[in-house]
Amino acid sequence: MSDAADAIVVTGGTRVTSVVAEEVRLAAARVTTAADHLRTAAGRCSEARTVVAQDVLLWAGPQPGLHRARAAALEVVDEVARRLWAAAELYDLLGWRLLRAAGLYEEAESVATRIVGALVTAEGFVQGAFWSGGNRWLAAAAAGGVLATLARRTGTPAVLFDGVAPWATRAAAPWSDELVAGLGAGVAWSHPRAAGGDLSTSGGARVLADAVRRAPIVDVPAGLTVTQLQAGDFGSGGLPEWADSGGSLADSLRRVADLYPWAGDAPYATVAVQRVAAPDGGVSWTVLIPGTESVLPADHPWDAVTDLDLMARQQDGASATVQAALAAAGAGPDEPVTLVGHSLGGIAAMALASAPAFTDRYRLGGVVTAGAPVAQLASPPGVPALHLETPQELVSNTDGRSSAENPRTADRVTVARDLAGSQDPGDRAASGNLAAAHGVATHARTLDLAMASGDVRVAGVVARIEPLLDGKEVTTTFYRAERAPVGISP
């Protein structure tokens, strides 16, 4: 029986493969190799026949029946050679048919996928253009945000979210990237000037971000204040227990969950900056960045406004917070910095990784994202990057790209896990629940399974990042960001 690891697909890294067709081609190569071996054996039989036929002295002698034995031996050799040649021809034919099947499979799958994807994108474009024609989209978005906020505040997410048929989430997952691509293009097409001429999801996000800021009921200060937190600022009255310890990459990812106010008693918009001192005296830094904490504009930058800014590739409060926190913590230009982010935090991490102003100031040691749409963001060559995604969370596809469309380089690896295809009951349940599918715990489990699978690409990128996360002495400083009508103040 298959297990949860069977639902994992790894792309990128030093060995790029496809999933089904590549296996068929591998089988074809093995069959063709077997045909070559059969021909070699048939050739040896022919050589043996020549020896038997020409060596008259071997069969000379007074014993009766030797000539008949010689003739029988030649017949056996001829029959074996004939069968070997026939088998080689059959194996060649089988190899050709396997290669043909692989090609037809890829062509059929590609054509069918493109047709359905094009239809979904077209529908998304129509809807995006229609709803962005006036303020209807804003009313719909605001209504959705109010419902989500009420669900969180009243403790009734099961009524509002779990009650939605799980099959709808599972059905939408394979086409969510095409739908978002269409919606983004439709919104951008309706407002080309606000989109800056970019008819893509980035242009659409730019239109929406501008519209939100212009809304009369919204006040989003342009400034930012970043303040260091003390133990008493946490709801528990103390810092997280891991504040003075390093750990593995999986440990760092799970710690991001503790930075959410409803999970770890941290204040809203909190990031953690860990200073790691190695035994040889070297110093590295790890920044843990949580995701969206408010679907409505808030007094902090961990809200939907920042999500739109990040998707639009504009200046945003989350990236600015990370830079201010690193500066306040004392990170040096030659000390490697690893960014670990979930959702909005993952977009911010990749936005920083793709920003020359950041990479010129700090030495980037690695980037890890979970549940973040990062396909359209670049990372510097030589910097290991690991992306964890699930199609059922939908969030990773909000840039209009699927996990398979993430850049594939020797340094950049994406691990996608189909929760609906898992044999684990918890994974299958999460496949119909957006919050569970998108949660840090689900992505951490994906990382665990990917490591347990023995995939060399995953192991390779993790091995390059993990030495920067643990050392003989680890100290963690926590910072909170607030929007304010002033400049950034570390």
Protein backbone atom coordinates (compact mmCIF):
# COMPACT_ATOMS: atom_id res chain seq x y z
CA MET A 1 0.00 0.00 0.00
CA SER A 2 1.27 3.49 -0.81
CA ASP A 3 1.82 6.00 1.93
CA ALA A 4 1.82 9.78 2.27
CA ALA A 5 5.23 10.03 0.60
CA ASP A 6 3.71 8.76 -2.65
CA ALA A 7 1.90 12.08 -3.04
CA ILE A 8 5.17 14.06 -3.17
CA VAL A 9 6.53 15.53 -6.39
CA VAL A 10 9.98 17.17 -6.32
CA THR A 11 11.08 19.58 -9.04
CA GLY A 12 14.25 21.56 -9.51
CA GLY A 13 17.63 20.71 -8.05
CA THR A 14 20.45 19.02 -9.91
CA ARG A 15 18.31 16.24 -11.39
CA VAL A 16 15.14 17.40 -13.13
CA THR A 17 12.71 14.65 -14.10
CA SER A 18 9.12 14.24 -15.12
CA VAL A 19 6.94 11.82 -13.25
CA VAL A 20 5.05 9.33 -15.45
CA ALA A 21 6.48 9.62 -18.96
CA GLU A 22 10.03 9.51 -17.64
CA GLU A 23 9.36 6.18 -15.98
CA VAL A 24 8.04 4.80 -19.28
CA ARG A 25 11.12 6.05 -21.10
CA LEU A 26 13.36 4.44 -18.49
CA ALA A 27 11.58 1.14 -19.07
CA ALA A 28 12.05 1.56 -22.83
CA ALA A 29 15.77 2.13 -22.35
CA ARG A 30 16.08 -1.01 -20.25
CA VAL A 31 14.20 -3.09 -22.83
CA THR A 32 16.41 -1.75 -25.62
CA THR A 33 19.51 -2.61 -23.60
CA ALA A 34 18.17 -6.12 -23.12
CA ALA A 35 17.71 -6.38 -26.91
CA ASP A 36 21.36 -5.45 -27.41
CA HIS A 37 22.42 -8.17 -24.98
CA LEU A 38 20.29 -10.74 -26.83
CA ARG A 39 21.91 -9.81 -30.13
CA THR A 40 25.32 -10.20 -28.56
CA ALA A 41 24.36 -13.66 -27.34
CA ALA A 42 23.03 -14.58 -30.78
CA GLY A 43 26.30 -13.46 -32.30
CA ARG A 44 28.22 -15.70 -29.92
CA CYS A 45 26.01 -18.62 -31.04
CA SER A 46 26.91 -17.92 -34.64
CA GLU A 47 30.60 -17.91 -33.73
CA ALA A 48 30.17 -21.23 -31.94
CA ARG A 49 28.42 -22.72 -34.99
CA THR A 50 31.31 -21.70 -37.22
CA VAL A 51 33.78 -23.41 -34.89
CA VAL A 52 31.72 -26.62 -34.76
CA ALA A 53 31.16 -26.69 -38.52
CA GLN A 54 34.81 -26.11 -39.46
CA ASP A 55 36.62 -28.22 -36.81
CA VAL A 56 36.63 -31.56 -38.68
CA LEU A 57 39.25 -33.09 -36.36
CA LEU A 58 36.92 -32.64 -33.38
CA TRP A 59 34.42 -35.00 -34.94
CA ALA A 60 36.89 -37.43 -36.53
CA GLY A 61 37.40 -40.84 -34.96
CA PRO A 62 36.25 -44.42 -35.01
CA GLN A 63 33.24 -43.89 -32.71
CA PRO A 64 30.00 -44.44 -34.58
CA GLY A 65 27.39 -41.71 -34.57
CA LEU A 66 29.72 -38.71 -34.21
CA HIS A 67 28.64 -37.26 -37.48
CA ARG A 68 25.00 -37.43 -36.40
CA ALA A 69 25.88 -35.75 -33.06
CA ARG A 70 27.71 -33.02 -34.96
CA ALA A 71 24.68 -32.35 -37.11
CA ALA A 72 22.39 -32.31 -34.07
CA ALA A 73 24.68 -29.86 -32.26
CA LEU A 74 24.62 -27.53 -35.25
CA GLU A 75 20.82 -27.63 -35.30
CA VAL A 76 20.67 -26.73 -31.59
CA VAL A 77 23.05 -23.82 -32.03
CA ASP A 78 21.07 -22.58 -35.04
CA GLU A 79 17.78 -22.80 -33.12
CA VAL A 80 19.18 -20.94 -30.09
CA ALA A 81 20.60 -18.19 -32.30
CA ARG A 82 17.30 -17.87 -34.16
CA ARG A 83 15.33 -17.53 -30.94
CA LEU A 84 17.76 -14.99 -29.53
CA TRP A 85 17.52 -12.86 -32.67
CA ALA A 86 13.73 -13.12 -32.61
CA ALA A 87 13.63 -12.08 -28.95
CA ALA A 88 15.92 -9.13 -29.69
CA GLU A 89 13.60 -7.98 -32.45
CA LEU A 90 10.60 -8.31 -30.13
CA TYR A 91 12.35 -6.33 -27.40
CA ASP A 92 13.22 -3.63 -29.91
CA LEU A 93 9.61 -3.40 -30.94
CA LEU A 94 8.50 -3.25 -27.30
CA GLY A 95 11.03 -0.49 -26.58
CA TRP A 96 9.79 1.51 -29.57
CA ARG A 97 6.18 1.09 -28.45
CA LEU A 98 7.03 2.22 -24.93
CA LEU A 99 8.69 5.35 -26.27
CA ARG A 100 5.70 5.97 -28.51
CA ALA A 101 3.35 5.50 -25.57
CA ALA A 102 5.34 7.98 -23.48
CA GLY A 103 5.14 10.54 -26.27
CA LEU A 104 1.44 10.01 -26.83
CA TYR A 105 0.77 10.19 -23.09
CA GLU A 106 2.61 13.47 -22.78
CA GLU A 107 0.93 14.88 -25.87
CA ALA A 108 -2.56 13.85 -24.80
CA GLU A 109 -2.06 15.03 -21.24
CA SER A 110 -0.58 18.30 -22.41
CA VAL A 111 -3.34 18.98 -24.93
CA ALA A 112 -6.14 18.13 -22.50
CA THR A 113 -4.54 20.17 -19.74
CA ARG A 114 -3.99 23.14 -22.01
CA ILE A 115 -7.55 23.10 -23.29
CA VAL A 116 -9.12 22.97 -19.82
CA GLY A 117 -6.58 25.43 -18.46
CA ALA A 118 -7.28 27.87 -21.28
CA LEU A 119 -11.02 27.68 -20.63
CA VAL A 120 -10.52 28.32 -16.92
CA THR A 121 -8.16 31.22 -17.62
CA ALA A 122 -10.64 32.72 -20.07
CA GLU A 123 -13.43 32.47 -17.52
CA GLY A 124 -11.22 34.05 -14.89
CA PHE A 125 -10.37 36.89 -17.27
CA VAL A 126 -14.05 37.59 -17.92
CA GLN A 127 -14.85 37.55 -14.22
CA GLY A 128 -11.87 39.73 -13.34
CA ALA A 129 -12.75 42.29 -15.99
CA PHE A 130 -16.42 42.31 -14.94
CA TRP A 131 -15.90 42.68 -11.20
CA SER A 132 -13.17 45.28 -11.49
CA GLY A 133 -15.36 47.48 -13.67
CA GLY A 134 -16.58 49.32 -10.60
CA ASN A 135 -16.49 48.82 -6.86
CA ARG A 136 -18.29 45.47 -6.92
CA TRP A 137 -15.06 43.56 -6.39
CA LEU A 138 -14.24 45.72 -3.38
CA ALA A 139 -17.62 45.00 -1.79
CA ALA A 140 -17.19 41.28 -2.38
CA ALA A 141 -13.66 41.28 -1.00
CA ALA A 142 -14.72 43.26 2.03
CA ALA A 143 -17.62 40.87 2.70
CA GLY A 144 -15.29 37.91 2.49
CA GLY A 145 -12.84 39.61 4.82
CA VAL A 146 -15.56 40.39 7.37
CA LEU A 147 -16.72 36.77 7.36
CA ALA A 148 -13.18 35.49 7.77
CA THR A 149 -12.47 37.90 10.61
CA LEU A 150 -15.71 37.01 12.39
CA ALA A 151 -14.94 33.33 12.04
CA ARG A 152 -11.55 33.78 13.62
CA ARG A 153 -12.69 36.09 16.39
CA THR A 154 -15.79 34.12 17.34
CA GLY A 155 -14.14 30.74 17.22
CA THR A 156 -16.57 29.35 14.64
CA PRO A 157 -14.37 28.61 11.61
CA ALA A 158 -15.94 25.16 11.32
CA VAL A 159 -19.33 26.69 10.55
CA LEU A 160 -18.03 29.07 7.91
CA PHE A 161 -15.23 27.07 6.33
CA ASP A 162 -15.47 23.38 7.16
CA GLY A 163 -19.13 23.51 6.19
CA VAL A 164 -18.15 24.37 2.61
CA ALA A 165 -18.09 21.11 0.67
CA PRO A 166 -14.53 19.76 0.76
CA TRP A 167 -14.95 18.48 -2.78
CA ALA A 168 -15.13 22.07 -3.99
CA THR A 169 -11.65 22.74 -2.65
CA ARG A 170 -10.29 19.53 -4.12
CA ALA A 171 -11.96 20.19 -7.47
CA ALA A 172 -10.67 23.77 -7.67
CA ALA A 173 -7.10 22.92 -6.68
CA PRO A 174 -5.83 21.67 -10.07
CA TRP A 175 -7.09 24.76 -11.89
CA SER A 176 -6.61 27.50 -9.30
CA ASP A 177 -3.45 28.82 -10.95
CA GLU A 178 -5.20 29.22 -14.31
CA LEU A 179 -8.19 30.88 -12.65
CA VAL A 180 -6.01 33.37 -10.78
CA ALA A 181 -3.98 34.10 -13.92
CA GLY A 182 -7.21 34.93 -15.74
CA LEU A 183 -8.60 37.03 -12.90
CA GLY A 184 -5.37 38.99 -12.57
CA ALA A 185 -5.18 39.65 -16.30
CA GLY A 186 -8.86 40.68 -16.39
CA VAL A 187 -8.42 43.17 -13.55
CA ALA A 188 -5.24 44.58 -15.11
CA TRP A 189 -6.91 44.83 -18.53
CA SER A 190 -9.78 46.86 -17.05
CA HIS A 191 -7.34 49.37 -15.53
CA PRO A 192 -4.20 49.35 -17.70
CA ARG A 193 -2.87 52.63 -16.34
CA ALA A 194 -3.08 51.53 -12.70
CA ALA A 195 -1.56 48.19 -13.72
CA GLY A 196 1.41 49.97 -15.26
CA GLY A 197 0.79 48.16 -18.53
CA ASP A 198 1.39 44.78 -16.86
CA LEU A 199 -1.48 42.49 -17.90
CA SER A 200 -0.62 39.71 -15.45
CA THR A 201 -1.36 38.78 -11.87
CA SER A 202 1.25 41.31 -10.75
CA GLY A 203 -0.52 44.05 -12.69
CA GLY A 204 -3.88 42.96 -11.30
CA ALA A 205 -2.47 43.02 -7.76
CA ARG A 206 -1.14 46.52 -8.40
CA VAL A 207 -4.63 47.67 -9.43
CA LEU A 208 -6.22 46.15 -6.33
CA ALA A 209 -3.58 47.55 -3.99
CA ASP A 210 -4.11 51.02 -5.42
CA ALA A 211 -7.90 50.67 -5.17
CA VAL A 212 -7.73 49.58 -1.52
CA ARG A 213 -5.62 52.58 -0.59
CA ARG A 214 -8.03 54.90 -2.38
CA ALA A 215 -11.09 53.46 -0.63
CA PRO A 216 -12.62 56.13 1.65
CA ILE A 217 -13.05 53.71 4.56
CA VAL A 218 -9.42 52.57 4.48
CA ASP A 219 -6.51 54.35 6.13
CA VAL A 220 -3.14 52.71 5.46
CA PRO A 221 -0.27 54.84 6.86
CA ALA A 222 2.83 54.77 4.69
CA GLY A 223 5.30 54.72 7.57
CA LEU A 224 6.53 51.84 9.72
CA THR A 225 7.78 51.46 13.26
CA VAL A 226 9.69 48.33 14.27
CA THR A 227 10.05 47.70 18.01
CA GLN A 228 11.99 45.05 19.90
CA LEU A 229 9.75 42.90 22.10
CA GLN A 230 10.37 41.77 25.66
CA ALA A 231 9.17 38.63 27.45
CA GLY A 232 6.25 40.50 28.99
CA ASP A 233 4.93 41.44 25.58
CA PHE A 234 3.96 37.83 24.91
CA GLY A 235 0.59 36.58 26.08
CA SER A 236 2.25 33.78 28.06
CA GLY A 237 4.46 36.26 29.90
CA GLY A 238 7.64 34.71 28.51
CA LEU A 239 9.58 34.12 25.32
CA PRO A 240 9.08 30.88 23.40
CA GLU A 241 11.07 27.99 24.89
CA TRP A 242 13.16 27.66 21.73
CA ALA A 243 14.43 31.26 21.98
CA ASP A 244 17.90 30.14 23.09
CA SER A 245 18.30 27.08 20.86
CA GLY A 246 18.94 26.32 17.23
CA GLY A 247 17.82 23.20 15.42
CA SER A 248 17.02 21.63 12.10
CA LEU A 249 15.29 23.21 9.15
CA ALA A 250 12.07 21.45 10.17
CA ASP A 251 12.45 22.95 13.66
CA SER A 252 12.77 26.44 12.21
CA LEU A 253 9.70 25.96 10.04
CA ARG A 254 7.57 24.74 12.95
CA ARG A 255 8.70 27.69 15.06
CA VAL A 256 7.15 30.07 12.54
CA ALA A 257 3.76 28.79 13.73
CA ASP A 258 4.53 30.08 17.23
CA LEU A 259 4.69 33.63 15.87
CA TYR A 260 0.97 33.70 15.06
CA PRO A 261 -1.02 35.45 17.82
CA TRP A 262 -3.64 32.70 17.99
CA ALA A 263 -1.05 29.91 18.19
CA GLY A 264 1.91 31.10 20.22
CA ASP A 265 0.75 34.19 22.17
CA ALA A 266 3.00 36.46 20.14
CA PRO A 267 1.82 40.00 19.36
CA TYR A 268 0.54 40.67 15.87
CA ALA A 269 3.21 41.24 13.18
CA THR A 270 6.06 39.60 15.08
CA VAL A 271 9.22 38.29 13.42
CA ALA A 272 12.05 36.38 15.10
CA VAL A 273 15.72 36.99 14.39
CA GLN A 274 18.10 34.29 15.61
CA ARG A 275 21.84 34.85 15.96
CA VAL A 276 23.76 31.58 15.65
CA ALA A 277 27.37 31.39 16.81
CA ALA A 278 29.26 28.41 15.41
CA PRO A 279 32.07 26.58 17.29
CA ASP A 280 34.64 28.10 14.92
CA GLY A 281 33.49 31.60 15.83
CA GLY A 282 31.47 32.22 12.70
CA VAL A 283 28.07 33.91 12.97
CA SER A 284 24.94 33.32 10.93
CA TRP A 285 21.36 34.62 11.18
CA THR A 286 17.93 33.08 10.75
CA VAL A 287 14.78 35.16 10.28
CA LEU A 288 11.41 33.50 10.93
CA ILE A 289 8.53 35.25 9.15
CA PRO A 290 4.84 34.35 9.64
CA GLY A 291 2.04 34.85 7.13
CA THR A 292 -1.07 36.99 6.86
CA GLU A 293 -2.66 37.83 10.21
CA SER A 294 -5.50 40.07 9.02
CA VAL A 295 -7.53 39.87 5.83
CA LEU A 296 -8.57 43.50 6.27
CA PRO A 297 -6.27 46.55 6.33
CA ALA A 298 -4.75 46.68 9.79
CA ASP A 299 -2.49 48.80 11.96
CA HIS A 300 0.36 46.43 11.11
CA PRO A 301 1.77 45.27 7.75
CA TRP A 302 0.83 41.58 8.12
CA ASP A 303 -2.46 42.14 6.30
CA ALA A 304 -3.99 41.73 2.84
CA VAL A 305 -2.65 45.12 1.76
CA THR A 306 0.88 43.81 2.14
CA ASP A 307 -0.10 40.65 0.32
CA LEU A 308 -1.18 42.77 -2.64
CA ASP A 309 1.97 44.89 -2.47
CA LEU A 310 4.14 41.78 -2.50
CA MET A 311 2.24 40.23 -5.39
CA ALA A 312 2.52 43.55 -7.25
CA ARG A 313 6.27 43.63 -6.54
CA GLN A 314 5.99 46.98 -4.83
CA GLN A 315 7.55 48.21 -1.63
CA ASP A 316 5.88 46.46 1.29
CA GLY A 317 5.87 46.61 5.06
CA ALA A 318 6.86 42.99 5.72
CA SER A 319 10.12 43.13 3.74
CA ALA A 320 10.93 46.48 5.31
CA THR A 321 10.32 44.98 8.76
CA VAL A 322 12.77 42.13 8.14
CA GLN A 323 15.45 44.55 6.99
CA ALA A 324 14.91 46.84 9.96
CA ALA A 325 14.97 43.87 12.36
CA LEU A 326 18.24 42.54 10.93
CA ALA A 327 19.82 45.96 11.19
CA ALA A 328 18.64 46.38 14.78
CA ALA A 329 19.90 42.90 15.71
CA GLY A 330 23.35 43.73 14.37
CA ALA A 331 23.66 41.38 11.39
CA GLY A 332 26.92 41.96 9.54
CA PRO A 333 27.36 42.07 5.77
CA ASP A 334 29.52 38.92 5.69
CA GLU A 335 27.33 36.87 8.03
CA PRO A 336 24.94 34.56 6.10
CA VAL A 337 21.22 35.19 6.57
CA THR A 338 18.62 32.44 6.11
CA LEU A 339 15.01 33.49 5.55
CA VAL A 340 12.23 31.08 6.58
CA GLY A 341 8.71 32.26 5.75
CA HIS A 342 5.16 30.94 5.64
CA SER A 343 2.53 32.35 3.27
CA LEU A 344 2.97 36.15 3.22
CA GLY A 345 6.27 35.57 5.03
CA GLY A 346 7.44 33.33 2.20
CA ILE A 347 6.63 35.95 -0.42
CA ALA A 348 8.52 38.55 1.63
CA ALA A 349 11.50 36.20 1.92
CA MET A 350 11.66 35.70 -1.84
CA ALA A 351 11.03 39.38 -2.49
CA LEU A 352 14.11 40.14 -0.41
CA ALA A 353 16.10 37.38 -2.10
CA SER A 354 15.31 38.91 -5.50
CA ALA A 355 16.12 42.48 -4.39
CA PRO A 356 19.70 43.60 -5.17
CA ALA A 357 19.50 46.22 -2.42
CA PHE A 358 19.09 43.40 0.13
CA THR A 359 21.58 40.92 -1.31
CA ASP A 360 24.16 43.70 -1.68
CA ARG A 361 23.81 44.52 2.00
CA TYR A 362 23.54 40.99 3.42
CA ARG A 363 25.02 37.66 2.46
CA LEU A 364 22.03 35.43 1.70
CA GLY A 365 22.58 31.92 3.06
CA GLY A 366 19.29 30.31 2.01
CA VAL A 367 15.55 30.74 1.58
CA VAL A 368 12.77 28.42 2.74
CA THR A 369 9.12 29.11 1.91
CA ALA A 370 5.95 27.22 2.82
CA GLY A 371 2.59 27.86 1.18
CA ALA A 372 3.81 30.93 -0.69
CA PRO A 373 3.29 31.98 -4.34
CA VAL A 374 6.90 32.52 -5.42
CA ALA A 375 7.08 31.28 -9.03
CA GLN A 376 7.57 34.78 -10.44
CA LEU A 377 10.30 35.77 -7.99
CA ALA A 378 13.97 35.07 -8.72
CA SER A 379 16.73 34.06 -6.35
CA PRO A 380 20.46 34.67 -6.76
CA PRO A 381 22.54 31.86 -8.29
CA GLY A 382 24.35 29.79 -5.70
CA VAL A 383 21.78 30.42 -2.95
CA PRO A 384 19.87 27.27 -1.88
CA ALA A 385 16.10 27.71 -1.91
CA LEU A 386 13.41 25.22 -0.86
CA HIS A 387 9.70 25.70 -1.53
CA LEU A 388 6.97 23.58 0.11
CA GLU A 389 3.51 23.65 -1.48
CA THR A 390 0.23 21.75 -1.65
CA PRO A 391 -2.32 22.32 -4.44
CA GLN A 392 -5.28 22.11 -2.04
CA GLU A 393 -4.16 25.14 -0.03
CA LEU A 394 -4.73 27.32 -3.15
CA VAL A 395 -2.50 30.07 -1.70
CA SER A 396 0.65 28.90 -3.48
CA ASN A 397 -1.12 29.29 -6.81
CA THR A 398 -2.29 32.88 -6.29
CA ASP A 399 0.50 34.14 -8.55
CA GLY A 400 -1.15 32.33 -11.46
CA ARG A 401 1.51 29.61 -11.48
CA SER A 402 1.45 26.03 -10.20
CA SER A 403 4.28 24.48 -8.19
CA ALA A 404 5.45 22.74 -11.38
CA GLU A 405 6.08 26.19 -12.87
CA ASN A 406 8.46 27.29 -10.12
CA PRO A 407 11.97 27.95 -11.50
CA ARG A 408 14.02 24.75 -11.74
CA THR A 409 17.70 25.28 -11.08
CA ALA A 410 20.44 23.39 -9.31
CA ASP A 411 19.93 25.65 -6.28
CA ARG A 412 16.13 25.86 -6.21
CA VAL A 413 13.95 22.89 -5.26
CA THR A 414 10.16 22.70 -4.96
CA VAL A 415 8.38 19.95 -3.04
CA ALA A 416 4.68 19.68 -3.88
CA ARG A 417 2.43 17.22 -2.03
CA ASP A 418 -1.04 16.25 -3.19
CA LEU A 419 -2.94 15.82 0.07
CA ALA A 420 -5.90 14.22 -1.68
CA GLY A 421 -3.63 11.50 -3.03
CA SER A 422 -2.19 10.59 0.36
CA GLN A 423 -3.04 7.37 2.18
CA ASP A 424 -2.92 9.25 5.48
CA PRO A 425 -6.47 10.05 6.77
CA GLY A 426 -5.30 13.36 8.25
CA ASP A 427 -3.86 14.48 4.92
CA ARG A 428 -7.01 13.55 3.04
CA ALA A 429 -9.12 15.46 5.54
CA ALA A 430 -6.83 18.48 5.19
CA SER A 431 -7.23 18.35 1.40
CA GLY A 432 -10.79 19.62 1.81
CA ASN A 433 -9.97 22.28 4.40
CA LEU A 434 -8.14 25.40 3.21
CA ALA A 435 -6.88 26.34 6.68
CA ALA A 436 -5.50 22.87 7.40
CA ALA A 437 -4.00 22.47 3.94
CA HIS A 438 -2.27 25.84 4.24
CA GLY A 439 -1.15 25.46 7.85
CA VAL A 440 2.50 25.34 8.91
CA ALA A 441 2.05 21.85 10.35
CA THR A 442 1.01 20.45 6.96
CA HIS A 443 4.02 21.96 5.22
CA ALA A 444 6.33 20.75 7.99
CA ARG A 445 4.99 17.24 7.44
CA THR A 446 5.67 17.63 3.72
CA LEU A 447 9.28 18.45 4.57
CA ASP A 448 9.55 15.44 6.88
CA LEU A 449 8.19 13.12 4.20
CA ALA A 450 10.42 14.60 1.51
CA MET A 451 13.48 14.05 3.69
CA ALA A 452 12.38 10.51 4.54
CA SER A 453 11.93 9.74 0.83
CA GLY A 454 15.68 10.00 0.32
CA ASP A 455 15.37 12.38 -2.64
CA VAL A 456 18.89 13.67 -3.26
CA ARG A 457 17.68 17.08 -4.41
CA VAL A 458 15.81 17.76 -1.18
CA ALA A 459 18.60 16.34 0.95
CA GLY A 460 21.14 18.42 -0.94
CA VAL A 461 19.44 21.78 -0.45
CA VAL A 462 18.62 21.02 3.20
CA ALA A 463 22.23 20.00 3.86
CA ARG A 464 23.40 23.37 2.55
CA ILE A 465 21.01 25.35 4.77
CA GLU A 466 20.92 23.45 8.08
CA PRO A 467 24.51 24.18 9.21
CA LEU A 468 23.53 27.86 9.35
CA LEU A 469 20.62 27.20 11.74
CA ASP A 470 22.38 25.66 14.73
CA GLY A 471 25.53 26.36 16.72
CA LYS A 472 27.08 26.41 20.16
CA GLU A 473 25.22 29.58 21.14
CA VAL A 474 21.86 30.81 19.84
CA THR A 475 20.01 33.95 20.88
CA THR A 476 16.68 35.13 19.49
CA THR A 477 15.36 38.66 19.35
CA PHE A 478 11.73 39.36 18.52
CA TYR A 479 10.45 42.45 16.74
CA ARG A 480 6.97 43.80 16.11
CA ALA A 481 5.96 46.07 13.24
CA GLU A 482 3.28 48.77 13.31
CA ARG A 483 2.12 51.09 10.59
CA ALA A 484 2.69 54.71 11.41
CA PRO A 485 2.81 58.07 9.60
CA VAL A 486 6.60 58.15 10.03
CA GLY A 487 9.62 56.53 8.44
CA ILE A 488 11.09 53.21 9.41
CA SER A 489 12.55 53.35 12.91
CA PRO A 490 14.53 50.28 14.08
